């Protein structure tokens, strides 16, 4: 995935929404993203409280995805002379296109929202790699409706942002691609991806990427790096890899690390922490968790069984 020079922080600094409650103005920076909000270049996430009352949100230069993540709240929205009302519940999704206004919102109680900002250039890159021939993607404004697919991917992305772990870069990029593809299919003006994908990869064609993984299990390759090795887009590479190998790239890397670790535990005198580091885990606790999850026993128990 090519690097995106993200101007969200600059754009949001000028578009901080203002909430008006009890006759006073309360500034809430729900669409201002800080340095800790970045998931990858071009994607930022923030979970934050939204107070009750009436507020207006001005424009922002990126695609805004708002997801209800707290208690149900009755919401009235006035936008361009149209008044809409609904009770937002967990998993409800709203979409605001770049450089468009969300209008005026009135909430009857405080709640919690998961806000995701996506750079338009990143959207265009993913759309192009997925077969969309349009040079510019147009999204439709969407007030709110339940969308379990988008909600679950967004939650997984948020959890990955907070916790990370082995294969974090690969997994995060795959989640971003999945999320953007869902948004393109459901909320873009086209309503679907146009064009056809390139031919699928064979296992032989995947060999350069597989060799990269096996030659350096300590390294956390990005999806883009692996895709470049076989001259495919990250989107098509990820799909073809799972079809051919049977696992997504990040799960395949994790499996290979555990298999090598199993061999090291049996054939060497390395400590468990040294084995964990040797196969790319950043600490022993994560190594032990994934080892037991995949093999059913802890590393120490495995070493005992082998001796």
Protein backbone atom coordinates (compact mmCIF):
# COMPACT_ATOMS: atom_id res chain seq x y z
CA UNK A 1 0.00 0.00 0.00
CA UNK A 2 1.63 3.26 -1.12
CA UNK A 3 2.38 5.84 1.53
CA UNK A 4 -0.28 8.47 2.03
CA UNK A 5 0.71 11.92 3.23
CA UNK A 6 -2.11 12.46 5.67
CA UNK A 7 -3.44 15.99 6.24
CA UNK A 8 -6.23 14.88 8.57
CA UNK A 9 -4.70 16.52 11.61
CA UNK A 10 -4.44 19.83 9.80
CA UNK A 11 -7.89 19.54 8.26
CA UNK A 12 -9.57 18.59 11.52
CA UNK A 13 -7.95 21.37 13.47
CA UNK A 14 -10.08 23.77 11.44
CA UNK A 15 -13.29 21.75 11.65
CA UNK A 16 -13.67 20.90 15.32
CA UNK A 17 -17.41 20.45 15.90
CA UNK A 18 -19.15 22.66 18.43
CA UNK A 19 -21.82 21.28 20.78
CA UNK A 20 -24.39 23.61 22.25
CA UNK A 21 -25.83 22.46 25.53
CA UNK A 22 -27.70 24.48 28.16
CA UNK A 23 -27.06 27.69 26.25
CA UNK A 24 -23.27 27.33 26.28
CA UNK A 25 -20.80 26.29 23.63
CA UNK A 26 -18.78 23.17 24.36
CA UNK A 27 -16.05 22.27 21.89
CA UNK A 28 -15.69 18.54 21.36
CA UNK A 29 -12.88 17.32 19.12
CA UNK A 30 -14.50 14.07 18.04
CA UNK A 31 -13.19 14.53 14.50
CA UNK A 32 -9.77 15.84 15.49
CA UNK A 33 -7.25 13.03 15.35
CA UNK A 34 -4.06 13.05 17.40
CA UNK A 35 -0.77 11.22 16.81
CA UNK A 36 -2.07 8.13 18.63
CA UNK A 37 -5.10 7.87 16.33
CA UNK A 38 -3.22 6.69 13.25
CA UNK A 39 -3.77 3.09 12.18
CA UNK A 40 -1.81 3.29 8.94
CA UNK A 41 -1.04 6.27 6.72
CA UNK A 42 -4.37 7.60 5.59
CA UNK A 43 -6.59 6.01 8.26
CA UNK A 44 -7.29 7.39 11.72
CA UNK A 45 -9.56 6.09 14.48
CA UNK A 46 -10.94 7.69 17.58
CA UNK A 47 -13.45 6.42 20.13
CA UNK A 48 -14.93 9.19 22.22
CA UNK A 49 -17.93 10.44 24.15
CA UNK A 50 -20.56 12.60 22.51
CA UNK A 51 -22.53 14.80 24.93
CA UNK A 52 -26.24 15.43 24.74
CA UNK A 53 -27.60 18.56 23.12
CA UNK A 54 -27.44 20.19 19.71
CA UNK A 55 -24.25 20.46 17.72
CA UNK A 56 -23.12 21.23 14.19
CA UNK A 57 -20.21 19.62 12.41
CA UNK A 58 -18.52 21.46 9.56
CA UNK A 59 -16.72 19.94 6.59
CA UNK A 60 -13.57 17.80 6.59
CA UNK A 61 -11.32 16.81 3.67
CA UNK A 62 -11.61 13.07 4.29
CA UNK A 63 -14.29 10.38 4.25
CA UNK A 64 -15.97 10.18 7.68
CA UNK A 65 -17.36 6.93 9.01
CA UNK A 66 -19.29 7.29 12.28
CA UNK A 67 -20.33 4.17 14.19
CA UNK A 68 -22.59 4.06 17.24
CA UNK A 69 -20.63 2.34 20.00
CA UNK A 70 -22.46 3.35 23.15
CA UNK A 71 -25.92 3.50 24.73
CA UNK A 72 -28.91 3.98 22.38
CA UNK A 73 -29.58 7.63 21.69
CA UNK A 74 -32.48 9.39 19.98
CA UNK A 75 -30.99 11.58 17.28
CA UNK A 76 -32.46 14.32 15.10
CA UNK A 77 -30.46 15.50 12.12
CA UNK A 78 -31.16 18.57 9.99
CA UNK A 79 -29.19 18.80 6.76
CA UNK A 80 -29.96 21.04 3.79
CA UNK A 81 -33.54 21.60 4.93
CA UNK A 82 -34.29 17.90 5.48
CA UNK A 83 -35.03 16.72 9.04
CA UNK A 84 -34.48 13.06 9.93
CA UNK A 85 -34.84 11.19 13.20
CA UNK A 86 -33.85 7.75 14.46
CA UNK A 87 -32.71 5.98 17.60
CA UNK A 88 -29.08 5.05 17.03
CA UNK A 89 -28.09 1.72 18.59
CA UNK A 90 -24.78 -0.13 18.70
CA UNK A 91 -23.59 -0.95 15.19
CA UNK A 92 -25.48 1.80 13.37
CA UNK A 93 -23.33 3.44 10.70
CA UNK A 94 -23.37 6.94 9.21
CA UNK A 95 -21.30 8.19 6.26
CA UNK A 96 -20.26 11.73 5.42
CA UNK A 97 -18.44 12.26 2.09
CA UNK A 98 -15.27 14.37 1.97
CA UNK A 99 -15.80 18.14 2.01
CA UNK A 100 -19.46 17.69 2.95
CA UNK A 101 -21.27 18.85 6.08
CA UNK A 102 -22.89 16.50 8.59
CA UNK A 103 -25.53 19.16 9.29
CA UNK A 104 -26.96 19.84 12.74
CA UNK A 105 -27.42 16.95 15.20
CA UNK A 106 -29.47 16.87 18.38
CA UNK A 107 -28.92 14.03 20.87
CA UNK A 108 -31.22 13.37 23.82
CA UNK A 109 -28.47 11.80 25.95
CA UNK A 110 -24.68 11.35 26.04
CA UNK A 111 -23.32 8.40 24.13
CA UNK A 112 -20.15 6.96 22.59
CA UNK A 113 -19.07 6.99 18.95
CA UNK A 114 -16.34 5.22 17.00
CA UNK A 115 -15.15 7.68 14.35
CA UNK A 116 -12.93 6.69 11.44
CA UNK A 117 -11.41 9.13 8.97
CA UNK A 118 -10.10 7.77 5.66
CA UNK A 119 -7.96 9.76 3.23
CA UNK A 120 -9.57 9.99 -0.21
CA UNK A 121 -6.32 9.09 -1.95
CA UNK A 122 -6.13 5.83 -0.04
CA UNK A 123 -9.74 5.06 -1.01
CA UNK A 124 -8.87 5.69 -4.66
CA UNK A 125 -5.81 3.44 -4.48
CA UNK A 126 -7.77 0.55 -3.01
CA UNK A 127 -10.67 1.07 -5.43
CA UNK A 128 -8.27 1.05 -8.38
CA UNK A 129 -6.48 -2.09 -7.21
CA UNK A 130 -9.87 -3.77 -6.74
CA UNK A 131 -10.88 -3.13 -10.33
CA UNK A 132 -12.66 0.23 -10.20
CA UNK A 133 -11.77 2.17 -13.34
CA UNK A 134 -13.08 5.49 -12.03
CA UNK A 135 -10.43 8.08 -11.30
CA UNK A 136 -12.53 9.53 -8.48
CA UNK A 137 -14.79 7.66 -6.07
CA UNK A 138 -17.98 9.40 -5.01
CA UNK A 139 -19.66 8.45 -1.74
CA UNK A 140 -23.27 9.09 -0.81
CA UNK A 141 -24.22 10.76 2.45
CA UNK A 142 -25.86 8.23 4.79
CA UNK A 143 -27.70 9.22 7.96
CA UNK A 144 -27.65 5.86 9.70
CA UNK A 145 -28.59 2.19 9.54
CA UNK A 146 -27.34 -1.07 11.06
CA UNK A 147 -24.36 -2.54 9.23
CA UNK A 148 -22.92 -5.58 11.06
CA UNK A 149 -20.21 -6.14 8.43
CA UNK A 150 -18.77 -2.64 8.68
CA UNK A 151 -19.21 -2.57 12.47
CA UNK A 152 -17.29 -5.81 13.09
CA UNK A 153 -14.41 -4.89 10.76
CA UNK A 154 -14.16 -1.45 12.39
CA UNK A 155 -14.10 -3.01 15.86
CA UNK A 156 -11.36 -5.44 14.84
CA UNK A 157 -9.39 -2.52 13.45
CA UNK A 158 -9.83 -0.56 16.68
CA UNK A 159 -8.72 -3.52 18.80
CA UNK A 160 -5.68 -4.06 16.57
CA UNK A 161 -4.80 -0.37 16.90
CA UNK A 162 -4.92 -0.62 20.68
CA UNK A 163 -3.29 -4.02 21.22
CA UNK A 164 -1.27 -4.95 18.16
CA UNK A 165 0.59 -8.24 18.16
CA UNK A 166 2.40 -10.58 15.76
CA UNK A 167 1.73 -9.75 12.13
CA UNK A 168 0.18 -6.42 13.15
CA UNK A 169 1.11 -4.57 9.97
CA UNK A 170 -0.19 -7.28 7.66
CA UNK A 171 -3.39 -7.73 9.62
CA UNK A 172 -4.08 -4.00 9.90
CA UNK A 173 -3.61 -3.40 6.19
CA UNK A 174 -5.89 -6.35 5.39
CA UNK A 175 -8.58 -4.94 7.70
CA UNK A 176 -8.31 -1.48 6.12
CA UNK A 177 -8.69 -2.97 2.64
CA UNK A 178 -11.69 -5.02 3.78
CA UNK A 179 -13.31 -1.97 5.36
CA UNK A 180 -12.82 0.26 2.32
CA UNK A 181 -14.11 -2.43 -0.03
CA UNK A 182 -17.26 -2.75 2.08
CA UNK A 183 -17.77 1.02 1.99
CA UNK A 184 -17.24 1.11 -1.77
CA UNK A 185 -19.79 -1.63 -2.33
CA UNK A 186 -22.43 -0.27 0.00
CA UNK A 187 -22.07 3.50 0.11
CA UNK A 188 -20.37 4.71 -3.08
CA UNK A 189 -22.35 6.25 -5.90
CA UNK A 190 -21.60 3.25 -8.13
CA UNK A 191 -22.78 0.79 -5.49
CA UNK A 192 -20.30 -1.81 -6.66
CA UNK A 193 -16.77 -2.25 -7.87
CA UNK A 194 -16.41 -2.02 -11.62
CA UNK A 195 -14.04 -3.96 -13.82
CA UNK A 196 -12.61 -7.41 -13.37
CA UNK A 197 -9.70 -8.58 -11.31
CA UNK A 198 -6.48 -9.78 -12.80
CA UNK A 199 -5.97 -13.50 -13.09
CA UNK A 200 -5.39 -15.36 -9.85
CA UNK A 201 -1.90 -16.20 -8.70
CA UNK A 202 -0.59 -19.76 -8.67
CA UNK A 203 1.50 -21.19 -5.85
CA UNK A 204 4.58 -20.94 -8.05
CA UNK A 205 3.89 -17.26 -8.64
CA UNK A 206 3.52 -16.79 -4.88
CA UNK A 207 6.97 -18.29 -4.28
CA UNK A 208 8.86 -14.95 -3.98
CA UNK A 209 6.51 -13.80 -1.21
CA UNK A 210 6.64 -17.17 0.54
CA UNK A 211 10.43 -17.14 0.42
CA UNK A 212 10.49 -13.65 1.94
CA UNK A 213 8.38 -14.90 4.84
CA UNK A 214 10.40 -18.07 5.44
CA UNK A 215 13.79 -16.39 5.07
CA UNK A 216 13.14 -13.82 7.79
CA UNK A 217 10.39 -14.75 10.25
CA UNK A 218 11.53 -11.99 12.60
CA UNK A 219 10.53 -9.28 10.16
CA UNK A 220 7.01 -7.89 10.06
CA UNK A 221 6.45 -7.51 6.35
CA UNK A 222 3.63 -5.27 5.21
CA UNK A 223 0.99 -6.50 2.80
CA UNK A 224 2.34 -4.06 0.23
CA UNK A 225 5.88 -5.45 0.48
CA UNK A 226 4.71 -9.02 -0.06
CA UNK A 227 2.42 -7.98 -2.90
CA UNK A 228 5.22 -6.10 -4.66
CA UNK A 229 7.32 -9.27 -4.63
CA UNK A 230 4.80 -10.89 -6.99
CA UNK A 231 3.83 -7.65 -8.79
CA UNK A 232 0.22 -7.68 -7.60
CA UNK A 233 -1.87 -5.11 -5.80
CA UNK A 234 -2.29 -5.70 -2.04
CA UNK A 235 -6.02 -6.37 -2.57
CA UNK A 236 -5.55 -9.04 -5.25
CA UNK A 237 -2.52 -10.51 -3.51
CA UNK A 238 -4.44 -10.96 -0.25
CA UNK A 239 -7.35 -12.69 -2.00
CA UNK A 240 -5.12 -14.91 -4.14
CA UNK A 241 -2.91 -15.82 -1.19
CA UNK A 242 -5.86 -17.04 0.85
CA UNK A 243 -7.27 -18.97 -2.11
CA UNK A 244 -3.98 -20.75 -2.84
CA UNK A 245 -2.56 -21.19 0.68
CA UNK A 246 -5.83 -21.53 2.59
CA UNK A 247 -4.97 -18.78 5.09
CA UNK A 248 -4.72 -14.98 4.99
CA UNK A 249 -1.08 -13.77 4.89
CA UNK A 250 -0.96 -12.71 8.55
CA UNK A 251 -2.29 -16.07 9.75
CA UNK A 252 0.14 -17.93 7.52
CA UNK A 253 3.07 -15.96 8.97
CA UNK A 254 1.87 -16.71 12.50
CA UNK A 255 1.55 -20.42 11.73
CA UNK A 256 5.08 -20.58 10.30
CA UNK A 257 6.49 -18.82 13.34
CA UNK A 258 4.86 -21.29 15.68
CA UNK A 259 6.08 -24.29 13.66
CA UNK A 260 9.67 -23.05 13.71
CA UNK A 261 9.38 -22.27 17.42
CA UNK A 262 8.16 -25.79 18.06
CA UNK A 263 11.26 -27.17 16.36
CA UNK A 264 13.58 -24.84 18.26
CA UNK A 265 12.05 -25.89 21.58
CA UNK A 266 12.71 -29.50 20.74
CA UNK A 267 16.18 -29.21 19.21
CA UNK A 268 17.90 -26.34 21.02
CA UNK A 269 18.68 -25.09 24.49
CA UNK A 270 17.43 -21.59 23.79
CA UNK A 271 15.23 -20.14 26.51
CA UNK A 272 11.56 -19.66 25.74
CA UNK A 273 12.02 -15.88 25.54
CA UNK A 274 14.93 -16.36 23.11
CA UNK A 275 12.82 -18.67 20.96
CA UNK A 276 10.02 -16.11 20.98
CA UNK A 277 12.37 -13.41 19.78
CA UNK A 278 13.99 -15.68 17.19
CA UNK A 279 10.65 -16.25 15.43
CA UNK A 280 9.43 -12.65 15.55
CA UNK A 281 7.33 -12.30 18.71
CA UNK A 282 7.97 -9.09 20.63
CA UNK A 283 7.43 -10.66 24.04
CA UNK A 284 7.08 -14.07 25.65
CA UNK A 285 3.48 -13.63 26.75
CA UNK A 286 2.24 -13.10 23.18
CA UNK A 287 4.33 -16.05 22.04
CA UNK A 288 2.88 -18.30 24.76
CA UNK A 289 -0.68 -17.21 23.99
CA UNK A 290 -0.47 -17.98 20.27
CA UNK A 291 1.57 -21.15 20.80
CA UNK A 292 -1.07 -22.59 23.11
CA UNK A 293 -3.91 -21.37 20.90
CA UNK A 294 -2.52 -23.14 17.84
CA UNK A 295 -0.93 -26.25 19.38
CA UNK A 296 -2.99 -26.75 22.53
CA UNK A 297 -0.03 -26.69 24.95
CA UNK A 298 2.29 -24.03 26.33
CA UNK A 299 5.90 -23.76 25.10
CA UNK A 300 7.23 -25.04 28.44
CA UNK A 301 4.88 -28.03 28.33
CA UNK A 302 5.92 -28.77 24.76
CA UNK A 303 9.60 -28.72 25.75
CA UNK A 304 8.87 -31.13 28.60
CA UNK A 305 7.02 -33.51 26.26
CA UNK A 306 9.94 -33.55 23.83
CA UNK A 307 12.48 -34.55 26.46
